[in-house]
N, C-alpha and C. Protein backbone atom coordinates (compact mmCIF):
# COMPACT_ATOMS: atom_id res chain seq x y z
N MET A 1 115.09 157.81 96.60
CA MET A 1 116.22 156.34 96.48
C MET A 1 116.73 157.00 95.12
N LEU A 2 118.14 156.94 95.28
CA LEU A 2 118.43 157.02 93.93
C LEU A 2 119.51 155.35 93.50
N VAL A 3 119.54 155.74 91.89
CA VAL A 3 119.19 154.59 91.59
C VAL A 3 120.73 154.39 90.14
N ASN A 4 121.69 153.91 90.55
CA ASN A 4 122.57 154.07 89.42
C ASN A 4 122.08 153.68 87.71
N ALA A 5 122.77 153.73 87.17
CA ALA A 5 122.25 153.14 85.50
C ALA A 5 122.12 152.02 85.43
N GLN A 6 122.86 150.90 86.90
CA GLN A 6 122.64 149.71 86.52
C GLN A 6 121.64 149.20 86.85
N GLY A 7 120.98 150.17 87.64
CA GLY A 7 119.81 149.75 88.64
C GLY A 7 119.86 148.92 89.62
N THR A 8 121.07 149.68 90.39
CA THR A 8 121.50 149.04 92.00
C THR A 8 121.74 150.01 92.56
N ASN A 9 121.05 150.23 94.10
CA ASN A 9 120.97 151.16 94.84
C ASN A 9 122.11 151.76 95.58
N ALA A 10 122.11 153.05 94.14
CA ALA A 10 123.60 153.60 94.49
C ALA A 10 123.45 154.70 95.78
N SER A 11 122.54 155.18 96.83
CA SER A 11 122.27 155.18 97.76
C SER A 11 122.69 154.25 99.16
N LYS A 12 123.01 153.41 99.41
CA LYS A 12 122.87 152.33 100.22
C LYS A 12 123.81 152.93 101.11
N ASP A 13 124.53 153.30 101.34
CA ASP A 13 125.68 153.88 102.14
C ASP A 13 125.53 155.34 102.41
N TYR A 14 124.61 156.07 101.95
CA TYR A 14 124.27 157.85 101.87
C TYR A 14 123.67 157.39 103.64
N PHE A 15 124.39 159.35 104.36
CA PHE A 15 123.61 159.26 105.64
C PHE A 15 122.25 160.77 105.26
N THR A 16 121.45 160.54 106.19
CA THR A 16 121.10 161.72 106.11
C THR A 16 121.21 161.96 106.91
N VAL A 17 121.31 163.47 107.05
CA VAL A 17 120.54 164.24 108.54
C VAL A 17 120.21 165.64 108.77
N GLU A 18 118.83 165.88 108.54
CA GLU A 18 117.53 167.25 109.28
C GLU A 18 118.12 167.73 110.18
N ASN A 19 119.27 169.33 109.94
CA ASN A 19 119.68 170.37 110.77
C ASN A 19 118.16 170.89 111.21
N TYR A 20 117.55 171.15 112.38
CA TYR A 20 115.84 172.41 112.45
C TYR A 20 117.34 173.57 113.43
N TYR A 21 116.85 174.89 113.35
CA TYR A 21 117.06 176.20 113.56
C TYR A 21 115.66 176.82 113.99
N LYS A 22 115.97 176.80 115.66
CA LYS A 22 114.66 177.50 115.54
C LYS A 22 115.69 179.13 116.60
N VAL A 23 115.65 180.03 115.33
CA VAL A 23 115.58 181.32 115.60
C VAL A 23 114.35 182.25 116.58
N LYS A 24 115.29 183.16 117.62
CA LYS A 24 114.90 184.64 118.20
C LYS A 24 114.37 185.00 117.30
N TRP A 25 112.82 185.91 117.80
CA TRP A 25 111.75 186.02 117.24
C TRP A 25 112.28 187.51 116.03
N GLY A 26 112.48 187.70 115.21
CA GLY A 26 111.98 188.84 114.17
C GLY A 26 113.83 188.42 113.75
N PHE A 27 113.73 186.68 113.80
CA PHE A 27 116.00 187.69 113.54
C PHE A 27 116.41 186.12 112.15
N ALA A 28 114.90 185.25 111.89
CA ALA A 28 115.15 184.37 111.36
C ALA A 28 115.97 184.76 109.86
N ASP A 29 115.47 185.68 109.14
CA ASP A 29 115.81 186.29 107.82
C ASP A 29 117.61 186.26 107.95
N GLU A 30 117.98 187.07 109.30
CA GLU A 30 119.23 187.47 109.32
C GLU A 30 120.09 186.07 110.18
N PHE A 31 119.92 184.86 110.40
CA PHE A 31 120.18 184.34 110.69
C PHE A 31 120.45 183.04 109.38
N ILE A 32 119.09 183.30 108.82
CA ILE A 32 119.51 182.51 106.82
C ILE A 32 120.49 183.20 106.22
N ASP A 33 120.70 184.13 105.95
CA ASP A 33 121.63 185.29 105.27
C ASP A 33 122.96 184.41 105.99
N LEU A 34 123.37 184.43 107.86
CA LEU A 34 124.72 183.87 107.69
C LEU A 34 124.82 183.05 107.18
N TRP A 35 124.31 182.06 107.73
CA TRP A 35 124.38 180.43 107.03
C TRP A 35 124.79 180.41 105.72
N LYS A 36 124.31 181.07 105.26
CA LYS A 36 124.25 181.35 103.85
C LYS A 36 125.19 181.61 103.70
N THR A 37 125.60 182.60 103.99
CA THR A 37 127.12 183.18 103.77
C THR A 37 128.63 182.83 104.82
N ASN A 38 128.17 182.75 105.87
CA ASN A 38 129.48 181.32 106.29
C ASN A 38 129.29 180.29 106.60
N HIS A 39 128.38 179.32 106.57
CA HIS A 39 128.07 177.83 106.68
C HIS A 39 128.25 176.99 105.19
N TYR A 40 127.34 177.36 104.83
CA TYR A 40 127.12 177.40 103.10
C TYR A 40 128.20 176.92 102.03
N PRO A 41 128.90 177.84 102.08
CA PRO A 41 130.49 177.72 101.07
C PRO A 41 131.10 176.68 101.98
N LEU A 42 130.86 176.55 102.84
CA LEU A 42 131.84 175.28 103.19
C LEU A 42 131.19 173.77 102.40
N LEU A 43 129.96 173.90 102.97
CA LEU A 43 128.84 172.47 102.44
C LEU A 43 129.00 172.35 101.17
N LYS A 44 129.60 173.82 99.97
CA LYS A 44 129.92 173.20 98.63
C LYS A 44 131.03 173.20 98.75
N LYS A 45 132.03 173.25 99.44
CA LYS A 45 132.99 172.39 99.24
C LYS A 45 133.29 171.28 99.37
N ALA A 46 132.00 170.35 100.90
CA ALA A 46 132.41 169.36 100.24
C ALA A 46 132.01 168.71 99.44
N ILE A 47 130.40 169.07 98.99
CA ILE A 47 129.97 168.55 97.34
C ILE A 47 131.01 168.22 96.50
N GLU A 48 131.66 169.26 96.35
CA GLU A 48 133.33 169.30 95.33
C GLU A 48 133.49 168.36 95.89
N LYS A 49 134.62 168.25 96.72
CA LYS A 49 135.21 167.08 97.50
C LYS A 49 134.70 165.35 97.34
N GLY A 50 132.96 165.51 97.66
CA GLY A 50 132.18 164.48 97.62
C GLY A 50 131.79 163.64 98.61
N ASP A 51 132.25 164.82 99.82
CA ASP A 51 131.91 164.24 101.46
C ASP A 51 130.51 164.04 101.36
N VAL A 52 130.16 165.39 100.57
CA VAL A 52 128.36 164.90 100.66
C VAL A 52 128.24 165.69 99.27
N ILE A 53 126.68 164.86 99.64
CA ILE A 53 126.14 164.57 98.05
C ILE A 53 125.11 165.69 97.88
N SER A 54 124.25 166.46 98.81
CA SER A 54 123.73 166.95 98.39
C SER A 54 123.11 167.90 99.24
N VAL A 55 122.74 168.93 99.84
CA VAL A 55 122.05 170.06 100.64
C VAL A 55 120.85 170.91 100.25
N ILE A 56 120.04 170.49 100.59
CA ILE A 56 118.54 171.14 100.97
C ILE A 56 117.98 171.74 101.80
N ALA A 57 118.51 173.47 101.53
CA ALA A 57 117.68 174.24 102.75
C ALA A 57 116.16 174.59 102.19
N SER A 58 115.43 174.28 103.73
CA SER A 58 113.80 174.59 103.95
C SER A 58 113.81 175.89 105.23
N LYS A 59 112.60 176.57 104.73
CA LYS A 59 111.44 177.06 106.08
C LYS A 59 110.36 177.49 105.50
N PRO A 60 109.49 177.22 106.98
CA PRO A 60 107.97 177.00 106.76
C PRO A 60 107.53 177.91 105.63
N ARG A 61 106.52 178.31 105.18
CA ARG A 61 105.63 178.91 104.32
C ARG A 61 105.01 179.60 105.52
N TYR A 62 104.13 179.37 106.81
CA TYR A 62 103.71 179.62 107.81
C TYR A 62 103.46 178.89 108.68
N HIS A 63 103.26 180.32 110.00
CA HIS A 63 104.06 179.84 111.14
C HIS A 63 103.76 178.95 112.19
N SER A 64 104.01 177.40 113.38
CA SER A 64 103.72 177.17 114.04
C SER A 64 103.19 177.94 115.35
N GLY A 65 102.79 176.82 116.47
CA GLY A 65 102.87 177.35 117.89
C GLY A 65 104.29 177.09 118.31
N GLU A 66 104.91 178.04 119.17
CA GLU A 66 106.44 177.97 119.97
C GLU A 66 106.84 176.66 119.50
N ASP A 67 106.26 175.84 120.91
CA ASP A 67 106.35 174.54 120.93
C ASP A 67 106.78 173.50 119.68
N THR A 68 106.21 173.65 118.71
CA THR A 68 106.49 172.77 117.50
C THR A 68 107.41 173.92 116.51
N ARG A 69 107.56 175.00 116.66
CA ARG A 69 107.98 176.03 115.88
C ARG A 69 109.94 175.96 115.40
N TRP A 70 110.11 176.22 114.30
CA TRP A 70 111.51 175.81 113.77
C TRP A 70 111.13 177.27 112.26
N ASP A 71 112.25 177.31 112.90
CA ASP A 71 113.08 178.55 110.96
C ASP A 71 113.31 178.04 110.04
N PHE A 72 114.49 177.05 110.38
CA PHE A 72 115.25 177.15 108.82
C PHE A 72 115.38 175.28 109.40
N ARG A 73 115.09 174.32 108.00
CA ARG A 73 115.74 173.25 108.12
C ARG A 73 116.80 172.91 106.82
N VAL A 74 118.02 172.75 107.44
CA VAL A 74 119.07 172.09 106.36
C VAL A 74 118.86 170.42 106.21
N THR A 75 118.99 169.73 105.15
CA THR A 75 119.22 168.08 104.88
C THR A 75 120.39 168.00 104.51
N LEU A 76 121.03 167.53 105.16
CA LEU A 76 122.34 166.95 104.51
C LEU A 76 122.15 165.56 104.22
N VAL A 77 123.07 165.34 102.85
CA VAL A 77 123.11 163.69 102.80
C VAL A 77 124.87 163.74 102.20
N PHE A 78 125.36 162.36 103.08
CA PHE A 78 126.53 162.65 103.20
C PHE A 78 127.04 160.61 102.56
N LYS A 79 128.15 160.83 101.86
CA LYS A 79 128.58 159.93 101.07
C LYS A 79 128.07 158.74 102.64
N ASN A 80 128.69 159.38 103.24
CA ASN A 80 128.26 157.66 104.58
C ASN A 80 128.43 158.03 105.93
N ALA A 81 128.47 157.72 106.48
CA ALA A 81 128.10 157.77 108.87
C ALA A 81 129.38 158.98 108.64
N ALA A 82 130.94 157.81 107.82
CA ALA A 82 131.68 158.84 108.94
C ALA A 82 131.91 160.12 108.64
N ALA A 83 131.98 160.34 107.09
CA ALA A 83 131.42 161.30 106.68
C ALA A 83 130.95 162.78 107.25
N ALA A 84 130.05 162.07 107.96
CA ALA A 84 128.86 163.48 108.48
C ALA A 84 129.16 163.42 110.00
N PHE A 85 130.27 162.12 110.87
CA PHE A 85 129.95 162.57 111.84
C PHE A 85 131.90 162.89 111.85
N ASP A 86 132.16 163.35 110.76
CA ASP A 86 133.68 164.04 110.58
C ASP A 86 133.69 165.58 111.50
N PRO A 87 134.72 165.89 112.15
CA PRO A 87 134.35 166.61 113.13
C PRO A 87 135.12 167.94 112.41
N ASN A 88 136.46 167.64 111.56
CA ASN A 88 136.85 168.10 110.46
C ASN A 88 136.68 168.20 109.00
N LEU A 89 135.26 168.15 108.77
CA LEU A 89 134.72 168.08 107.47
C LEU A 89 135.15 169.33 106.09
N THR A 90 134.80 170.17 107.19
CA THR A 90 134.87 171.22 106.86
C THR A 90 135.73 172.15 107.05
N THR A 91 136.51 171.73 107.82
CA THR A 91 137.80 172.74 109.01
C THR A 91 138.95 172.99 108.00
N PRO A 92 139.49 172.01 106.43
CA PRO A 92 140.25 172.44 105.86
C PRO A 92 139.94 174.16 104.88
N TYR A 93 138.17 173.92 104.58
CA TYR A 93 138.30 175.41 103.38
C TYR A 93 137.99 176.31 104.40
N VAL A 94 138.21 176.34 105.87
CA VAL A 94 137.71 177.71 106.43
C VAL A 94 139.32 178.92 106.13
N ALA A 95 139.86 178.36 106.09
CA ALA A 95 140.97 179.11 105.88
C ALA A 95 141.07 179.81 104.62
N GLN A 96 140.64 179.06 103.16
CA GLN A 96 140.86 179.04 102.16
C GLN A 96 139.39 180.55 101.68
N LEU A 97 137.92 179.92 102.33
CA LEU A 97 137.05 181.04 102.19
C LEU A 97 136.94 182.09 102.79
N TYR A 98 137.93 181.99 104.10
CA TYR A 98 137.46 183.03 104.93
C TYR A 98 138.77 183.96 105.69
N PRO A 99 139.52 184.44 104.87
CA PRO A 99 141.29 184.92 105.12
C PRO A 99 141.12 185.31 106.31
N ASP A 100 140.06 186.30 106.82
CA ASP A 100 139.45 187.07 107.97
C ASP A 100 139.65 185.95 109.07
N GLN A 101 139.79 185.40 109.19
CA GLN A 101 139.63 184.50 110.51
C GLN A 101 138.63 185.38 111.70
N GLU A 102 139.47 186.47 111.65
CA GLU A 102 138.68 186.99 113.06
C GLU A 102 137.29 187.69 113.41
N ALA A 103 136.79 188.10 111.24
CA ALA A 103 135.93 188.57 110.94
C ALA A 103 134.53 187.25 111.08
N HIS A 104 135.08 185.97 110.23
CA HIS A 104 134.62 184.51 110.43
C HIS A 104 133.74 184.40 112.07
N LYS A 105 134.87 184.22 112.47
CA LYS A 105 134.14 183.64 114.06
C LYS A 105 133.74 184.41 114.77
N LYS A 106 133.43 185.63 114.05
CA LYS A 106 132.50 186.93 115.09
C LYS A 106 131.08 186.70 114.21
N ALA A 107 131.54 186.75 112.93
CA ALA A 107 130.07 186.45 112.16
C ALA A 107 129.33 184.59 112.49
N GLU A 108 129.58 184.45 112.88
CA GLU A 108 129.98 182.45 113.51
C GLU A 108 128.82 182.75 114.37
N GLN A 109 129.44 183.53 115.36
CA GLN A 109 129.64 183.50 116.79
C GLN A 109 127.91 184.29 117.05
N HIS A 110 127.64 185.32 116.16
CA HIS A 110 126.59 185.95 116.16
C HIS A 110 125.21 184.73 115.50
N ARG A 111 125.65 184.63 114.70
CA ARG A 111 124.54 183.13 114.22
C ARG A 111 123.92 182.58 115.11
N PHE A 112 125.13 182.37 115.82
CA PHE A 112 124.68 181.75 117.35
C PHE A 112 123.80 182.21 117.91
N GLU A 113 124.36 182.82 118.33
CA GLU A 113 123.56 184.33 119.16
C GLU A 113 122.40 184.63 119.03
N LEU A 114 121.83 184.66 117.66
CA LEU A 114 120.12 184.25 116.92
C LEU A 114 119.73 183.03 117.62
N LEU A 115 120.35 181.73 117.63
CA LEU A 115 119.52 180.45 117.94
C LEU A 115 118.68 180.83 119.03
N LEU A 116 118.02 179.84 119.54
CA LEU A 116 116.91 179.90 120.33
C LEU A 116 117.21 178.21 121.02
N ALA A 117 116.95 177.46 119.79
CA ALA A 117 117.52 176.09 119.41
C ALA A 117 117.67 175.45 118.61
N HIS A 118 118.71 173.90 118.61
CA HIS A 118 119.31 173.61 117.23
C HIS A 118 119.32 171.91 117.96
N TRP A 119 118.97 171.41 116.91
CA TRP A 119 118.29 169.80 116.69
C TRP A 119 118.88 169.02 115.33
N ASP A 120 119.51 168.30 115.50
CA ASP A 120 119.85 167.10 114.15
C ASP A 120 119.39 165.93 114.82
N ILE A 121 118.19 165.48 113.09
CA ILE A 121 118.07 164.23 113.21
C ILE A 121 118.07 163.93 112.19
N GLU A 122 118.60 162.51 112.40
CA GLU A 122 119.03 161.01 111.46
C GLU A 122 118.49 160.77 110.57
N VAL A 123 118.03 160.42 109.70
CA VAL A 123 117.06 160.19 108.54
C VAL A 123 117.45 159.16 107.68
N ALA A 124 116.58 157.60 108.41
CA ALA A 124 117.25 156.69 107.40
C ALA A 124 115.29 156.39 106.59
N GLU A 125 115.97 155.60 105.61
CA GLU A 125 114.46 156.22 104.25
C GLU A 125 114.01 155.09 104.95
N GLU A 126 113.29 154.48 104.44
CA GLU A 126 112.06 153.17 104.68
C GLU A 126 111.28 153.20 103.12
N LEU A 127 111.58 151.62 102.94
CA LEU A 127 111.39 151.89 101.50
C LEU A 127 109.89 150.84 101.99
N LEU A 128 108.91 150.96 100.63
CA LEU A 128 107.75 151.29 100.30
C LEU A 128 107.67 150.22 99.17
N LYS A 129 106.79 148.81 99.85
CA LYS A 129 106.14 147.41 98.77
C LYS A 129 104.93 148.47 97.95
C-alpha cells in the first residue's frame, strides 16, 4: 500500500492489472524484446502523463508444467479504473514514437503471432491486520 506524507492511503483509487503472456516454445526472448521495443515506450508516456503509476515486468526463473506455464508478466498500476479501461490510453503516443506506422503495425502483428495465450487479471489489495 502506498501512503502519502500525511499518512493517508494514497493508492485508494489505484487499479492494478497483471498481464500474463504464454509464448510459443523458444520465442519468449523475442516476444519480450518486441514488447520492450513496441509497447513499453507507450506505457512510459502514460506514466509521464500520470495515467499509469508503475509498470513491473517479470519472467519466471524456472519452467513449470505446460498447463500452468507463462513466459512474461507485466503488472500495471493505473491511477484509477477509468484509465485502466481507456481503449485510447496509449493511442496518442503511437504516431509520436513510431513515425513508420506500417513497420510498427507489422512488428506488433508479429509479437502477437508468437503468443499461445494472453490473460489479464485485475488485482485488489488485501489489507492484513
